[in-house]
Amino acid sequence: MPYKPNDLLSRHFESHGHDLIHKVEEQLNLVSPNSPNLPIYRDMILTVLRMAQEDHNRWNAKITLQALRELEHAFRTLEQFKGRRKVTVFGSARTPIEHPLYGMARELGAALARSDMMVITGAGGGIMAAAHEGAGRDHSLGFNITLPFEQHANPTVEGTPNLLPFHFFFTRKLFFVKEADALVLCPGGFGTLDEALEVLTLVQTGKSPLVPVVLLDVPGGRFWQGALDFIREQLEENRYILPTDLKLMRLVHNAEDAVEEINRFYLNFHSSRWLKHQFVIRMNHKLSEQAMHLMQADFADLCLNDCFHQHDYSDDDRDEARFSHLTRLAFTFNARDHGRLRELVDYINLPENWAEPTQEVRPLTWEPIKVT
């Protein structure tokens, strides 16, 4: 949602007789005079100053400092990979090299690299090492966690600029999802299941942008199929989730199908954002009139009011000049049924629904999805 300045911070310091607002803004204008983010930086600094003023707990201050340093370092490091499509791969670090899953993860990494996608893992062994091994260093990113005991990253990323160490699990988990244009989940233990459920929760609740979530298992494997059966029998039938929530993930049994699922998701869908009270999907191809007509009826349940509108780049999108070539599909999304939203994405990705279905697909620009 759009950023709103925190007026409470300003009033707090004004009420205590401190003329800090002008001084903070003056310093920010010296280091970044033309930044559109100055109000955000101002509130960040004022937040720290309020912590300093209250000075309750040294441990709280150290946590804040470490987290802020970790975030800034990761943002700066990952800037060099901006514009490259990335896929986060989860799976057990205990998967032995002779296990069929290890070979499948290696094939997955190689297939993702052939599609010019980077592979993000926790940089450890097992599935993580296999995916990086298949992708190669130039297509690999490792988000390692620093622990009290000695731990090494896998050989593909160890000692390279493609390895980022994290002190906190929560900042590391943030970047696993934030940087991902897709997620592939291989069988694993508690950690893998934790990541799977957290990712699904974030997408289901709209806290994370909609991306393809692929469950990968060996042919005939029952790991994810058993999990899906449990979800249907216990969660869906007891109405703990919506029936359409199961649309948020897809089960496949080979690496090529996993990559094809990801590529198909981005065939027409480019990215999405909130613009005021409208949900906007950016598309590479305009939809035909017939497709729009059918959409109004088949997906009316997604709209709180009015209907779907298709339009080109406009003044409302003036902060998105780099996306000026993309068509917009806007509607008042109910912000609840993201499984149905996934079905809508599948619909707009069908070439027969494009205004010019025979037109060759142009190379896409893969930039982080912007939600404002």
Protein backbone atom coordinates (compact mmCIF):
# COMPACT_ATOMS: atom_id res chain seq x y z
CA MET A 1 0.00 0.00 0.00
CA PRO A 2 1.14 3.63 -0.46
CA TYR A 3 3.58 4.96 2.12
CA LYS A 4 2.08 7.33 4.67
CA PRO A 5 4.40 9.57 6.71
CA ASN A 6 4.29 8.98 10.47
CA ASP A 7 3.09 12.30 11.80
CA LEU A 8 3.16 10.90 15.34
CA LEU A 9 6.95 10.89 15.23
CA SER A 10 7.10 14.55 14.24
CA ARG A 11 4.59 15.57 16.89
CA HIS A 12 6.45 13.52 19.51
CA PHE A 13 9.68 15.50 19.12
CA GLU A 14 7.87 18.82 18.69
CA SER A 15 5.98 18.23 21.94
CA HIS A 16 9.30 17.67 23.74
CA GLY A 17 10.69 20.92 22.41
CA HIS A 18 13.21 19.32 20.08
CA ASP A 19 13.65 20.90 16.66
CA LEU A 20 14.94 17.71 15.04
CA ILE A 21 12.72 17.44 11.97
CA HIS A 22 14.38 20.27 10.08
CA LYS A 23 17.89 19.10 11.06
CA VAL A 24 17.22 15.52 9.91
CA GLU A 25 15.75 16.67 6.61
CA GLU A 26 18.70 19.04 6.10
CA GLN A 27 21.21 16.19 6.48
CA LEU A 28 19.23 13.88 4.20
CA ASN A 29 19.13 16.53 1.50
CA LEU A 30 22.92 16.71 1.64
CA VAL A 31 23.43 12.99 0.98
CA SER A 32 20.45 12.30 -1.31
CA PRO A 33 18.90 15.58 -2.48
CA ASN A 34 16.70 14.20 -5.24
CA SER A 35 15.52 10.95 -3.69
CA PRO A 36 11.75 10.32 -3.70
CA ASN A 37 12.33 8.24 -0.56
CA LEU A 38 13.38 11.14 1.69
CA PRO A 39 10.18 10.98 3.80
CA ILE A 40 10.83 7.27 4.44
CA TYR A 41 14.46 7.86 5.45
CA ARG A 42 13.35 10.72 7.68
CA ASP A 43 10.94 8.48 9.56
CA MET A 44 13.59 5.77 9.84
CA ILE A 45 16.01 8.19 11.49
CA LEU A 46 13.32 9.64 13.75
CA THR A 47 12.40 6.13 14.87
CA VAL A 48 16.00 5.48 15.93
CA LEU A 49 16.16 8.86 17.67
CA ARG A 50 13.02 8.02 19.64
CA MET A 51 14.62 4.72 20.70
CA ALA A 52 17.71 6.64 21.81
CA GLN A 53 15.60 9.12 23.72
CA GLU A 54 13.77 6.38 25.64
CA ASP A 55 16.95 4.26 25.98
CA HIS A 56 15.15 1.35 27.67
CA ASN A 57 17.25 -1.66 26.85
CA ARG A 58 20.73 -2.21 25.40
CA TRP A 59 19.72 -5.62 23.97
CA ASN A 60 16.86 -4.01 22.00
CA ALA A 61 19.28 -1.46 20.57
CA LYS A 62 21.77 -4.17 19.55
CA ILE A 63 19.06 -6.23 17.84
CA THR A 64 17.90 -3.16 15.91
CA LEU A 65 21.43 -2.27 14.85
CA GLN A 66 22.27 -5.82 13.72
CA ALA A 67 19.02 -6.18 11.78
CA LEU A 68 19.43 -2.80 10.09
CA ARG A 69 23.04 -3.53 9.13
CA GLU A 70 22.05 -6.94 7.82
CA LEU A 71 19.22 -5.53 5.71
CA GLU A 72 21.37 -2.73 4.27
CA HIS A 73 24.21 -5.10 3.41
CA ALA A 74 21.86 -7.54 1.68
CA PHE A 75 20.12 -4.76 -0.28
CA ARG A 76 23.46 -3.40 -1.45
CA THR A 77 24.91 -6.80 -2.33
CA LEU A 78 21.84 -7.97 -4.23
CA GLU A 79 21.69 -4.78 -6.29
CA GLN A 80 24.21 -6.32 -8.70
CA PHE A 81 21.72 -9.11 -9.47
CA LYS A 82 18.75 -6.79 -9.98
CA GLY A 83 16.77 -7.54 -13.11
CA ARG A 84 17.60 -11.26 -13.05
CA ARG A 85 14.79 -13.70 -12.41
CA LYS A 86 15.40 -15.78 -9.27
CA VAL A 87 13.94 -19.01 -7.91
CA THR A 88 14.26 -20.04 -4.28
CA VAL A 89 14.73 -23.78 -3.78
CA PHE A 90 14.01 -25.42 -0.41
CA GLY A 91 14.78 -29.01 0.61
CA SER A 92 16.62 -31.15 3.11
CA ALA A 93 20.30 -30.54 3.80
CA ARG A 94 20.49 -34.24 4.76
CA THR A 95 19.65 -35.61 1.31
CA PRO A 96 22.59 -37.87 0.36
CA ILE A 97 24.28 -37.55 -3.01
CA GLU A 98 23.15 -41.05 -4.08
CA HIS A 99 19.46 -40.30 -3.42
CA PRO A 100 17.25 -39.77 -6.52
CA LEU A 101 16.13 -36.42 -5.07
CA TYR A 102 19.72 -35.17 -5.15
CA GLY A 103 19.97 -35.89 -8.85
CA MET A 104 16.58 -34.27 -9.48
CA ALA A 105 17.62 -31.11 -7.61
CA ARG A 106 20.81 -30.96 -9.67
CA GLU A 107 18.72 -31.30 -12.86
CA LEU A 108 16.43 -28.56 -11.55
CA GLY A 109 19.35 -26.17 -11.06
CA ALA A 110 20.66 -26.89 -14.56
CA ALA A 111 17.20 -26.41 -16.10
CA LEU A 112 16.70 -23.11 -14.27
CA ALA A 113 20.11 -21.88 -15.45
CA ARG A 114 19.24 -22.79 -19.06
CA SER A 115 16.18 -20.56 -18.67
CA ASP A 116 18.52 -17.82 -17.36
CA MET A 117 17.15 -17.99 -13.82
CA MET A 118 19.25 -17.74 -10.66
CA VAL A 119 18.91 -20.37 -7.95
CA ILE A 120 18.62 -19.19 -4.32
CA THR A 121 19.19 -21.67 -1.50
CA GLY A 122 20.39 -21.64 2.09
CA ALA A 123 23.86 -22.48 0.72
CA GLY A 124 24.11 -25.73 2.69
CA GLY A 125 24.40 -29.37 1.61
CA GLY A 126 21.88 -31.88 0.32
CA ILE A 127 19.20 -30.40 -1.92
CA MET A 128 20.79 -26.95 -1.63
CA ALA A 129 24.19 -28.15 -2.79
CA ALA A 130 22.63 -30.17 -5.62
CA ALA A 131 20.59 -27.23 -6.97
CA HIS A 132 23.65 -24.96 -6.91
CA GLU A 133 25.82 -27.63 -8.45
CA GLY A 134 23.43 -27.93 -11.39
CA ALA A 135 23.04 -24.18 -11.80
CA GLY A 136 26.73 -23.28 -11.51
CA ARG A 137 28.19 -20.30 -9.66
CA ASP A 138 27.01 -17.59 -12.09
CA HIS A 139 23.40 -18.70 -11.63
CA SER A 140 23.58 -19.33 -7.86
CA LEU A 141 22.91 -17.25 -4.76
CA GLY A 142 23.45 -18.59 -1.24
CA PHE A 143 21.85 -17.11 1.88
CA ASN A 144 23.84 -18.74 4.67
CA ILE A 145 23.14 -18.53 8.40
CA THR A 146 26.03 -17.92 10.82
CA LEU A 147 25.98 -20.33 13.74
CA PRO A 148 28.13 -20.67 16.92
CA PHE A 149 29.69 -23.86 15.59
CA GLU A 150 31.72 -24.10 12.40
CA GLN A 151 29.65 -24.34 9.24
CA HIS A 152 30.70 -24.22 5.61
CA ALA A 153 28.68 -23.23 2.58
CA ASN A 154 28.54 -25.64 -0.32
CA PRO A 155 31.49 -25.54 -2.78
CA THR A 156 29.58 -23.75 -5.52
CA VAL A 157 29.13 -20.49 -3.59
CA GLU A 158 31.65 -20.65 -0.76
CA GLY A 159 34.15 -17.81 -0.96
CA THR A 160 32.30 -16.02 -3.78
CA PRO A 161 30.35 -12.72 -3.95
CA ASN A 162 27.25 -14.88 -4.50
CA LEU A 163 27.20 -15.90 -0.82
CA LEU A 164 25.46 -13.70 1.77
CA PRO A 165 25.85 -14.51 5.49
CA PHE A 166 22.95 -13.74 7.84
CA HIS A 167 23.01 -13.50 11.63
CA PHE A 168 19.23 -13.58 12.10
CA PHE A 169 16.93 -16.27 10.74
CA PHE A 170 14.10 -13.76 10.27
CA THR A 171 16.09 -11.46 7.95
CA ARG A 172 17.34 -14.47 5.99
CA LYS A 173 13.78 -15.79 5.60
CA LEU A 174 12.67 -12.35 4.42
CA PHE A 175 15.13 -12.44 1.52
CA PHE A 176 14.27 -16.02 0.57
CA VAL A 177 10.77 -14.75 -0.28
CA LYS A 178 11.49 -11.12 -1.23
CA GLU A 179 13.99 -12.04 -3.95
CA ALA A 180 12.00 -14.97 -5.35
CA ASP A 181 10.07 -14.84 -8.61
CA ALA A 182 9.13 -18.46 -7.87
CA LEU A 183 9.67 -21.09 -5.19
CA VAL A 184 10.39 -24.80 -5.61
CA LEU A 185 9.94 -27.03 -2.58
CA CYS A 186 11.62 -30.42 -2.46
CA PRO A 187 11.00 -33.01 0.31
CA GLY A 188 12.67 -32.23 3.61
CA GLY A 189 12.33 -32.02 7.38
CA PHE A 190 10.87 -29.54 9.84
CA GLY A 191 12.75 -26.63 8.27
CA THR A 192 11.44 -27.37 4.78
CA LEU A 193 7.87 -27.77 6.06
CA ASP A 194 8.24 -24.52 8.00
CA GLU A 195 9.32 -22.69 4.86
CA ALA A 196 6.53 -24.28 2.81
CA LEU A 197 3.77 -23.30 5.23
CA GLU A 198 5.17 -19.81 5.78
CA VAL A 199 5.40 -19.14 2.05
CA LEU A 200 1.85 -20.38 1.48
CA THR A 201 0.58 -18.28 4.39
CA LEU A 202 2.26 -15.14 3.04
CA VAL A 203 0.82 -15.64 -0.45
CA GLN A 204 -2.61 -16.70 0.84
CA THR A 205 -2.91 -13.56 2.98
CA GLY A 206 -1.48 -11.21 0.35
CA LYS A 207 1.56 -10.32 2.49
CA SER A 208 3.76 -11.60 -0.32
CA PRO A 209 3.10 -11.06 -4.05
CA LEU A 210 1.64 -13.96 -5.98
CA VAL A 211 4.39 -16.15 -7.43
CA PRO A 212 4.41 -19.77 -8.59
CA VAL A 213 4.92 -22.28 -5.76
CA VAL A 214 6.03 -25.65 -7.12
CA LEU A 215 6.16 -28.89 -5.11
CA LEU A 216 8.78 -31.21 -6.61
CA ASP A 217 9.04 -34.91 -5.88
CA VAL A 218 10.43 -37.99 -7.62
CA PRO A 219 8.03 -39.97 -9.86
CA GLY A 220 5.76 -42.00 -7.61
CA GLY A 221 6.93 -40.09 -4.52
CA ARG A 222 4.37 -39.63 -1.75
CA PHE A 223 5.97 -36.82 0.28
CA TRP A 224 4.03 -33.90 -1.16
CA GLN A 225 1.06 -35.97 -2.29
CA GLY A 226 0.59 -37.14 1.30
CA ALA A 227 0.82 -33.53 2.50
CA LEU A 228 -1.77 -32.43 -0.07
CA ASP A 229 -4.10 -35.28 0.97
CA PHE A 230 -3.82 -34.13 4.59
CA ILE A 231 -4.53 -30.52 3.60
CA ARG A 232 -7.63 -31.54 1.66
CA GLU A 233 -8.98 -33.93 4.30
CA GLN A 234 -8.20 -31.89 7.40
CA LEU A 235 -7.90 -28.24 6.36
CA GLU A 236 -10.23 -27.88 3.39
CA GLU A 237 -12.98 -30.19 4.65
CA ASN A 238 -12.96 -28.48 8.05
CA ARG A 239 -13.05 -25.09 6.30
CA TYR A 240 -9.79 -23.93 7.82
CA ILE A 241 -8.77 -22.82 4.33
CA LEU A 242 -10.67 -21.90 1.19
CA PRO A 243 -10.98 -24.69 -1.40
CA THR A 244 -9.22 -22.46 -3.93
CA ASP A 245 -6.18 -22.05 -1.64
CA LEU A 246 -4.90 -25.32 -3.05
CA LYS A 247 -4.54 -23.54 -6.41
CA LEU A 248 -1.59 -21.63 -4.94
CA MET A 249 0.73 -24.63 -5.40
CA ARG A 250 1.40 -27.17 -8.15
CA LEU A 251 2.83 -30.69 -7.77
CA VAL A 252 5.26 -31.92 -10.44
CA HIS A 253 7.53 -34.95 -10.71
CA ASN A 254 10.47 -33.80 -12.82
CA ALA A 255 12.73 -30.78 -13.13
CA GLU A 256 11.61 -29.76 -16.63
CA ASP A 257 7.96 -29.60 -15.55
CA ALA A 258 8.93 -27.40 -12.61
CA VAL A 259 10.71 -24.92 -14.88
CA GLU A 260 7.89 -25.05 -17.44
CA GLU A 261 5.39 -24.21 -14.67
CA ILE A 262 7.42 -21.13 -13.74
CA ASN A 263 7.85 -19.96 -17.33
CA ARG A 264 4.16 -20.45 -18.03
CA PHE A 265 3.26 -18.26 -15.04
CA TYR A 266 5.17 -15.35 -16.60
CA LEU A 267 4.02 -15.90 -20.18
CA ASN A 268 1.73 -12.86 -20.04
CA PHE A 269 1.66 -11.93 -16.35
CA HIS A 270 4.55 -9.61 -15.54
CA SER A 271 3.96 -8.31 -12.01
CA SER A 272 1.34 -6.71 -9.79
CA ARG A 273 0.83 -3.82 -7.41
CA TRP A 274 -1.80 -1.95 -5.43
CA LEU A 275 -2.55 1.53 -6.78
CA LYS A 276 -4.77 3.35 -4.32
CA HIS A 277 -7.72 0.95 -3.96
CA GLN A 278 -7.18 -0.80 -7.26
CA PHE A 279 -5.24 -4.02 -7.76
CA VAL A 280 -3.20 -3.76 -10.95
CA ILE A 281 -1.74 -6.64 -12.96
CA ARG A 282 0.89 -5.69 -15.51
CA MET A 283 0.73 -7.79 -18.69
CA ASN A 284 3.03 -8.29 -21.66
CA HIS A 285 0.05 -8.72 -24.02
CA LYS A 286 -3.29 -6.98 -24.21
CA LEU A 287 -6.33 -9.23 -23.80
CA SER A 288 -8.93 -9.61 -26.56
CA GLU A 289 -12.41 -8.15 -26.19
CA GLN A 290 -13.90 -11.63 -26.04
CA ALA A 291 -11.49 -12.66 -23.27
CA MET A 292 -12.37 -9.52 -21.30
CA HIS A 293 -16.08 -10.23 -21.75
CA LEU A 294 -15.73 -13.77 -20.44
CA MET A 295 -13.56 -12.57 -17.57
CA GLN A 296 -16.24 -10.18 -16.34
CA ALA A 297 -18.57 -13.13 -15.77
CA ASP A 298 -16.18 -15.93 -14.81
CA PHE A 299 -14.12 -13.93 -12.32
CA ALA A 300 -16.73 -11.46 -11.03
CA ASP A 301 -16.31 -12.91 -7.53
CA LEU A 302 -12.83 -11.34 -7.32
CA CYS A 303 -14.21 -7.80 -7.66
CA LEU A 304 -15.70 -5.92 -4.73
CA ASN A 305 -17.47 -3.59 -7.13
CA ASP A 306 -17.37 -2.39 -10.71
CA CYS A 307 -15.48 -4.76 -13.04
CA PHE A 308 -12.17 -5.40 -14.80
CA HIS A 309 -10.58 -2.56 -16.78
CA GLN A 310 -7.72 -2.82 -19.27
CA HIS A 311 -5.63 0.24 -20.04
CA ASP A 312 -2.21 1.42 -21.15
CA TYR A 313 0.42 3.31 -19.18
CA SER A 314 -1.03 6.52 -17.73
CA ASP A 315 -0.19 9.46 -15.47
CA ASP A 316 -1.33 7.41 -12.46
CA ASP A 317 1.66 5.14 -13.12
CA ARG A 318 4.15 7.99 -13.57
CA ASP A 319 6.53 6.38 -11.04
CA GLU A 320 6.80 3.30 -13.26
CA ALA A 321 8.27 4.59 -16.50
CA ARG A 322 10.31 1.40 -16.91
CA PHE A 323 7.02 -0.51 -17.23
CA SER A 324 5.46 1.91 -19.72
CA HIS A 325 5.28 -0.76 -22.46
CA LEU A 326 3.05 -3.03 -20.37
CA THR A 327 -0.74 -3.21 -20.44
CA ARG A 328 -2.58 -2.86 -17.12
CA LEU A 329 -5.51 -4.95 -15.89
CA ALA A 330 -7.11 -3.15 -12.93
CA PHE A 331 -9.94 -4.16 -10.59
CA THR A 332 -11.13 -3.77 -6.99
CA PHE A 333 -9.74 -7.07 -5.71
CA ASN A 334 -11.39 -8.51 -2.61
CA ALA A 335 -7.86 -9.15 -1.26
CA ARG A 336 -9.03 -12.46 0.16
CA ASP A 337 -9.17 -15.23 -2.42
CA HIS A 338 -5.64 -15.43 -3.78
CA GLY A 339 -6.25 -18.94 -5.05
CA ARG A 340 -8.84 -17.50 -7.42
CA LEU A 341 -6.37 -14.75 -8.28
CA ARG A 342 -3.97 -17.52 -9.35
CA GLU A 343 -6.73 -18.91 -11.61
CA LEU A 344 -7.10 -15.44 -13.13
CA VAL A 345 -3.35 -15.36 -13.84
CA ASP A 346 -3.64 -18.74 -15.55
CA TYR A 347 -6.48 -17.31 -17.66
CA ILE A 348 -4.58 -14.23 -18.86
CA ASN A 349 -1.55 -16.42 -19.63
CA LEU A 350 -3.45 -18.40 -22.27
CA PRO A 351 -2.26 -17.15 -25.71
CA GLU A 352 -5.76 -17.62 -27.15
CA ASN A 353 -6.95 -14.86 -24.81
CA TRP A 354 -4.50 -12.28 -26.13
CA ALA A 355 -5.54 -9.61 -28.59
CA GLU A 356 -2.67 -10.73 -30.85
CA PRO A 357 -2.11 -14.40 -29.92
CA THR A 358 0.21 -15.09 -32.85
CA GLN A 359 2.63 -12.31 -31.95
CA GLU A 360 6.05 -13.58 -30.89
CA VAL A 361 6.67 -13.17 -27.18
CA ARG A 362 9.25 -10.44 -26.61
CA PRO A 363 12.10 -10.98 -24.11
CA LEU A 364 10.88 -10.02 -20.66
CA THR A 365 12.48 -7.72 -18.09
CA TRP A 366 12.57 -9.54 -14.78
CA GLU A 367 12.48 -6.99 -12.00
CA PRO A 368 11.33 -7.42 -8.41
CA ILE A 369 7.55 -7.21 -8.14
CA LYS A 370 6.61 -3.87 -6.66
CA VAL A 371 3.76 -3.74 -4.18
CA THR A 372 2.95 -0.24 -2.97
